[in-house]
């Protein structure tokens, strides 16, 4: 009987050690408060010349986010934004414009957490130059084109979580 109990104990211990790489990992719920800072970088170049309204834009988290000493968002985690305003540079020196609003970031348990951040910009306007040159020189100056806005791969964004979100951590 004693040998049977020892054998059962060995089998149970082996089964437990095989799970989770030999460690028993308990899941814990951590609450991420609204306003938690998340640093992101753009994973693609976006320009007012080629971007479209509603276009999804990919970002990655630059550093782990910790709450109560637990990692809730990992470095490299996916984040998503969207083009909310875009216009290409136009004739007569009109500048292009581009606005990207961040929307979601992925937590360690896969939960998509709402975030907020907006980066908008306007290209260089050449309207005044175009008008002045037109008046002084010739009508062809109204065909001067303004500059587009371009955000290069690696551009950094600061975002903040919206509302309270619960995440499972190990």
C-alpha atoms as a PDB file:
ATOM      1  CA  UNK A   1       0.000   0.000   0.000  1.00  0.00           C
ATOM      2  CA  UNK A   2       2.833   2.325   0.900  1.00  0.00           C
ATOM      3  CA  UNK A   3       4.487   1.700  -2.505  1.00  0.00           C
ATOM      4  CA  UNK A   4       1.200   2.509  -4.276  1.00  0.00           C
ATOM      5  CA  UNK A   5       0.908   5.881  -2.475  1.00  0.00           C
ATOM      6  CA  UNK A   6       4.512   6.735  -3.332  1.00  0.00           C
ATOM      7  CA  UNK A   7       3.917   5.779  -6.958  1.00  0.00           C
ATOM      8  CA  UNK A   8       0.757   7.942  -7.137  1.00  0.00           C
ATOM      9  CA  UNK A   9       2.654  10.859  -5.564  1.00  0.00           C
ATOM     10  CA  UNK A  10       5.459  10.520  -8.131  1.00  0.00           C
ATOM     11  CA  UNK A  11       2.988  10.429 -11.034  1.00  0.00           C
ATOM     12  CA  UNK A  12       1.098  13.508  -9.763  1.00  0.00           C
ATOM     13  CA  UNK A  13       4.326  15.427  -9.162  1.00  0.00           C
ATOM     14  CA  UNK A  14       5.611  14.577 -12.635  1.00  0.00           C
ATOM     15  CA  UNK A  15       2.331  15.720 -14.164  1.00  0.00           C
ATOM     16  CA  UNK A  16       2.467  19.022 -12.323  1.00  0.00           C
ATOM     17  CA  UNK A  17       6.127  19.613 -13.268  1.00  0.00           C
ATOM     18  CA  UNK A  18       5.365  18.961 -16.934  1.00  0.00           C
ATOM     19  CA  UNK A  19       2.823  21.785 -16.978  1.00  0.00           C
ATOM     20  CA  UNK A  20       4.070  25.357 -17.521  1.00  0.00           C
ATOM     21  CA  UNK A  21       7.706  24.379 -18.027  1.00  0.00           C
ATOM     22  CA  UNK A  22       7.994  22.851 -14.564  1.00  0.00           C
ATOM     23  CA  UNK A  23       6.372  25.746 -12.747  1.00  0.00           C
ATOM     24  CA  UNK A  24       2.872  26.155 -11.485  1.00  0.00           C
ATOM     25  CA  UNK A  25       1.777  29.592 -12.629  1.00  0.00           C
ATOM     26  CA  UNK A  26      -1.263  31.181 -11.048  1.00  0.00           C
ATOM     27  CA  UNK A  27      -3.320  33.647 -13.064  1.00  0.00           C
ATOM     28  CA  UNK A  28      -4.002  36.983 -11.439  1.00  0.00           C
ATOM     29  CA  UNK A  29      -6.296  39.837 -12.488  1.00  0.00           C
ATOM     30  CA  UNK A  30      -4.620  43.252 -12.638  1.00  0.00           C
ATOM     31  CA  UNK A  31      -6.606  46.434 -13.220  1.00  0.00           C
ATOM     32  CA  UNK A  32      -5.084  48.927 -15.654  1.00  0.00           C
ATOM     33  CA  UNK A  33      -6.376  52.390 -14.746  1.00  0.00           C
ATOM     34  CA  UNK A  34      -7.375  54.955 -17.344  1.00  0.00           C
ATOM     35  CA  UNK A  35      -4.544  57.347 -18.115  1.00  0.00           C
ATOM     36  CA  UNK A  36      -1.798  54.692 -18.024  1.00  0.00           C
ATOM     37  CA  UNK A  37       1.067  55.817 -20.288  1.00  0.00           C
ATOM     38  CA  UNK A  38       2.032  53.676 -23.312  1.00  0.00           C
ATOM     39  CA  UNK A  39       4.957  54.616 -25.581  1.00  0.00           C
ATOM     40  CA  UNK A  40       4.575  53.525 -29.211  1.00  0.00           C
ATOM     41  CA  UNK A  41       6.385  53.727 -32.522  1.00  0.00           C
ATOM     42  CA  UNK A  42       5.043  53.766 -36.051  1.00  0.00           C
ATOM     43  CA  UNK A  43       5.786  50.575 -38.024  1.00  0.00           C
ATOM     44  CA  UNK A  44       5.208  52.057 -41.482  1.00  0.00           C
ATOM     45  CA  UNK A  45       5.735  55.343 -43.286  1.00  0.00           C
ATOM     46  CA  UNK A  46       2.491  57.288 -43.787  1.00  0.00           C
ATOM     47  CA  UNK A  47       2.099  60.297 -46.088  1.00  0.00           C
ATOM     48  CA  UNK A  48      -0.758  62.683 -46.830  1.00  0.00           C
ATOM     49  CA  UNK A  49       0.027  62.039 -50.495  1.00  0.00           C
ATOM     50  CA  UNK A  50      -0.966  58.340 -50.340  1.00  0.00           C
ATOM     51  CA  UNK A  51      -2.939  57.777 -47.105  1.00  0.00           C
ATOM     52  CA  UNK A  52      -6.692  57.244 -47.182  1.00  0.00           C
ATOM     53  CA  UNK A  53      -9.406  58.089 -44.657  1.00  0.00           C
ATOM     54  CA  UNK A  54     -10.055  55.118 -42.366  1.00  0.00           C
ATOM     55  CA  UNK A  55      -6.755  53.435 -43.270  1.00  0.00           C
ATOM     56  CA  UNK A  56      -5.463  51.184 -40.440  1.00  0.00           C
ATOM     57  CA  UNK A  57      -1.955  52.061 -39.258  1.00  0.00           C
ATOM     58  CA  UNK A  58       0.316  49.628 -37.363  1.00  0.00           C
ATOM     59  CA  UNK A  59       2.315  50.543 -34.248  1.00  0.00           C
ATOM     60  CA  UNK A  60       4.439  48.638 -31.710  1.00  0.00           C
ATOM     61  CA  UNK A  61       4.889  49.225 -27.969  1.00  0.00           C
ATOM     62  CA  UNK A  62       8.384  50.591 -27.156  1.00  0.00           C
ATOM     63  CA  UNK A  63       8.679  49.362 -23.550  1.00  0.00           C
ATOM     64  CA  UNK A  64       6.884  47.077 -21.099  1.00  0.00           C
ATOM     65  CA  UNK A  65       4.035  48.631 -19.127  1.00  0.00           C
ATOM     66  CA  UNK A  66       3.858  47.601 -15.450  1.00  0.00           C
ATOM     67  CA  UNK A  67       1.005  47.819 -12.963  1.00  0.00           C
ATOM     68  CA  UNK A  68       1.608  46.658  -9.373  1.00  0.00           C
ATOM     69  CA  UNK A  69       4.943  45.192 -10.492  1.00  0.00           C
ATOM     70  CA  UNK A  70       3.278  42.995 -13.126  1.00  0.00           C
ATOM     71  CA  UNK A  71       3.779  43.340 -16.887  1.00  0.00           C
ATOM     72  CA  UNK A  72       0.401  44.136 -18.438  1.00  0.00           C
ATOM     73  CA  UNK A  73       1.576  45.269 -21.898  1.00  0.00           C
ATOM     74  CA  UNK A  74       4.752  43.786 -23.406  1.00  0.00           C
ATOM     75  CA  UNK A  75       7.380  45.611 -25.442  1.00  0.00           C
ATOM     76  CA  UNK A  76       6.666  44.911 -29.110  1.00  0.00           C
ATOM     77  CA  UNK A  77       2.928  44.401 -28.568  1.00  0.00           C
ATOM     78  CA  UNK A  78       0.703  45.441 -31.458  1.00  0.00           C
ATOM     79  CA  UNK A  79      -1.181  48.738 -31.439  1.00  0.00           C
ATOM     80  CA  UNK A  80      -3.563  50.049 -34.076  1.00  0.00           C
ATOM     81  CA  UNK A  81      -4.384  53.552 -35.257  1.00  0.00           C
ATOM     82  CA  UNK A  82      -6.496  55.019 -38.012  1.00  0.00           C
ATOM     83  CA  UNK A  83      -6.180  57.911 -40.447  1.00  0.00           C
ATOM     84  CA  UNK A  84      -8.936  60.323 -39.377  1.00  0.00           C
ATOM     85  CA  UNK A  85      -8.080  63.298 -41.594  1.00  0.00           C
ATOM     86  CA  UNK A  86      -6.076  63.478 -44.796  1.00  0.00           C
ATOM     87  CA  UNK A  87      -5.642  65.815 -47.730  1.00  0.00           C
ATOM     88  CA  UNK A  88      -2.805  65.802 -50.227  1.00  0.00           C
ATOM     89  CA  UNK A  89      -0.864  68.954 -51.040  1.00  0.00           C
ATOM     90  CA  UNK A  90      -2.602  70.954 -53.733  1.00  0.00           C
ATOM     91  CA  UNK A  91      -2.085  73.567 -56.370  1.00  0.00           C
ATOM     92  CA  UNK A  92      -1.499  77.223 -55.601  1.00  0.00           C
ATOM     93  CA  UNK A  93       0.736  76.114 -52.728  1.00  0.00           C
ATOM     94  CA  UNK A  94      -1.954  74.456 -50.564  1.00  0.00           C
ATOM     95  CA  UNK A  95      -0.314  72.265 -47.880  1.00  0.00           C
ATOM     96  CA  UNK A  96      -1.221  68.616 -47.288  1.00  0.00           C
ATOM     97  CA  UNK A  97      -2.552  67.476 -43.905  1.00  0.00           C
ATOM     98  CA  UNK A  98      -2.644  64.138 -42.068  1.00  0.00           C
ATOM     99  CA  UNK A  99      -4.077  63.079 -38.706  1.00  0.00           C
ATOM    100  CA  UNK A 100      -3.661  59.620 -37.163  1.00  0.00           C
ATOM    101  CA  UNK A 101      -5.673  58.629 -34.070  1.00  0.00           C
ATOM    102  CA  UNK A 102      -4.468  55.683 -31.986  1.00  0.00           C
ATOM    103  CA  UNK A 103      -7.236  53.267 -31.012  1.00  0.00           C
ATOM    104  CA  UNK A 104      -6.126  49.986 -29.382  1.00  0.00           C
ATOM    105  CA  UNK A 105      -3.112  48.227 -27.878  1.00  0.00           C
ATOM    106  CA  UNK A 106      -2.806  44.521 -27.063  1.00  0.00           C
ATOM    107  CA  UNK A 107      -2.249  43.394 -23.461  1.00  0.00           C
ATOM    108  CA  UNK A 108      -0.332  40.300 -22.271  1.00  0.00           C
ATOM    109  CA  UNK A 109      -3.540  38.215 -22.253  1.00  0.00           C
ATOM    110  CA  UNK A 110      -4.627  39.390 -25.712  1.00  0.00           C
ATOM    111  CA  UNK A 111      -7.200  41.919 -24.520  1.00  0.00           C
ATOM    112  CA  UNK A 112      -7.364  44.932 -26.831  1.00  0.00           C
ATOM    113  CA  UNK A 113      -7.165  48.018 -24.607  1.00  0.00           C
ATOM    114  CA  UNK A 114      -8.621  51.316 -25.860  1.00  0.00           C
ATOM    115  CA  UNK A 115      -5.995  54.078 -26.033  1.00  0.00           C
ATOM    116  CA  UNK A 116      -5.996  57.709 -27.027  1.00  0.00           C
ATOM    117  CA  UNK A 117      -3.480  59.815 -28.845  1.00  0.00           C
ATOM    118  CA  UNK A 118      -3.683  61.934 -31.941  1.00  0.00           C
ATOM    119  CA  UNK A 119      -0.868  63.235 -34.088  1.00  0.00           C
ATOM    120  CA  UNK A 120      -1.722  65.646 -36.827  1.00  0.00           C
ATOM    121  CA  UNK A 121       0.362  67.786 -39.070  1.00  0.00           C
ATOM    122  CA  UNK A 122       0.234  70.100 -41.995  1.00  0.00           C
ATOM    123  CA  UNK A 123       2.759  70.388 -44.795  1.00  0.00           C
ATOM    124  CA  UNK A 124       4.396  73.627 -45.819  1.00  0.00           C
ATOM    125  CA  UNK A 125       2.020  76.023 -47.533  1.00  0.00           C
ATOM    126  CA  UNK A 126       3.320  77.949 -50.517  1.00  0.00           C
ATOM    127  CA  UNK A 127       0.105  79.879 -51.121  1.00  0.00           C
ATOM    128  CA  UNK A 128       1.524  83.319 -50.251  1.00  0.00           C
ATOM    129  CA  UNK A 129       4.590  82.707 -52.390  1.00  0.00           C
ATOM    130  CA  UNK A 130       2.423  81.470 -55.246  1.00  0.00           C
ATOM    131  CA  UNK A 131       0.185  84.569 -55.121  1.00  0.00           C
ATOM    132  CA  UNK A 132       3.128  86.968 -54.826  1.00  0.00           C
ATOM    133  CA  UNK A 133       5.015  85.370 -57.699  1.00  0.00           C
ATOM    134  CA  UNK A 134       1.806  85.319 -59.790  1.00  0.00           C
ATOM    135  CA  UNK A 135       1.300  89.036 -59.290  1.00  0.00           C
ATOM    136  CA  UNK A 136       4.902  89.910 -60.023  1.00  0.00           C
ATOM    137  CA  UNK A 137       5.875  87.366 -62.633  1.00  0.00           C
ATOM    138  CA  UNK A 138       3.336  85.203 -64.305  1.00  0.00           C
ATOM    139  CA  UNK A 139       0.177  83.155 -63.997  1.00  0.00           C
ATOM    140  CA  UNK A 140       2.137  79.879 -63.930  1.00  0.00           C
ATOM    141  CA  UNK A 141       3.097  80.437 -60.299  1.00  0.00           C
ATOM    142  CA  UNK A 142      -0.395  79.356 -59.184  1.00  0.00           C
ATOM    143  CA  UNK A 143       0.657  75.849 -60.231  1.00  0.00           C
ATOM    144  CA  UNK A 144       3.214  75.726 -57.383  1.00  0.00           C
ATOM    145  CA  UNK A 145       2.399  72.719 -55.220  1.00  0.00           C
ATOM    146  CA  UNK A 146       2.448  72.744 -51.406  1.00  0.00           C
ATOM    147  CA  UNK A 147       4.226  70.065 -49.346  1.00  0.00           C
ATOM    148  CA  UNK A 148       2.735  66.801 -48.072  1.00  0.00           C
ATOM    149  CA  UNK A 149       2.993  65.577 -44.471  1.00  0.00           C
ATOM    150  CA  UNK A 150       4.993  62.382 -43.941  1.00  0.00           C
ATOM    151  CA  UNK A 151       5.448  60.384 -40.718  1.00  0.00           C
ATOM    152  CA  UNK A 152       8.418  58.030 -41.086  1.00  0.00           C
ATOM    153  CA  UNK A 153       8.689  54.497 -39.745  1.00  0.00           C
ATOM    154  CA  UNK A 154       9.863  54.757 -36.137  1.00  0.00           C
ATOM    155  CA  UNK A 155       8.026  58.014 -35.364  1.00  0.00           C
ATOM    156  CA  UNK A 156       7.203  57.934 -31.639  1.00  0.00           C
ATOM    157  CA  UNK A 157       3.731  58.460 -30.201  1.00  0.00           C
ATOM    158  CA  UNK A 158       2.653  58.853 -26.578  1.00  0.00           C
ATOM    159  CA  UNK A 159      -0.694  57.254 -25.791  1.00  0.00           C
ATOM    160  CA  UNK A 160      -2.838  56.770 -22.690  1.00  0.00           C
ATOM    161  CA  UNK A 161      -5.299  54.018 -21.813  1.00  0.00           C
ATOM    162  CA  UNK A 162      -8.980  54.930 -21.687  1.00  0.00           C
ATOM    163  CA  UNK A 163     -10.998  53.742 -18.700  1.00  0.00           C
ATOM    164  CA  UNK A 164     -10.352  50.823 -16.358  1.00  0.00           C
ATOM    165  CA  UNK A 165      -9.442  47.487 -18.004  1.00  0.00           C
ATOM    166  CA  UNK A 166      -8.852  44.128 -16.290  1.00  0.00           C
ATOM    167  CA  UNK A 167      -6.048  41.936 -17.620  1.00  0.00           C
ATOM    168  CA  UNK A 168      -5.014  38.388 -16.656  1.00  0.00           C
ATOM    169  CA  UNK A 169      -1.311  38.114 -15.831  1.00  0.00           C
ATOM    170  CA  UNK A 170       0.875  35.221 -14.731  1.00  0.00           C
END
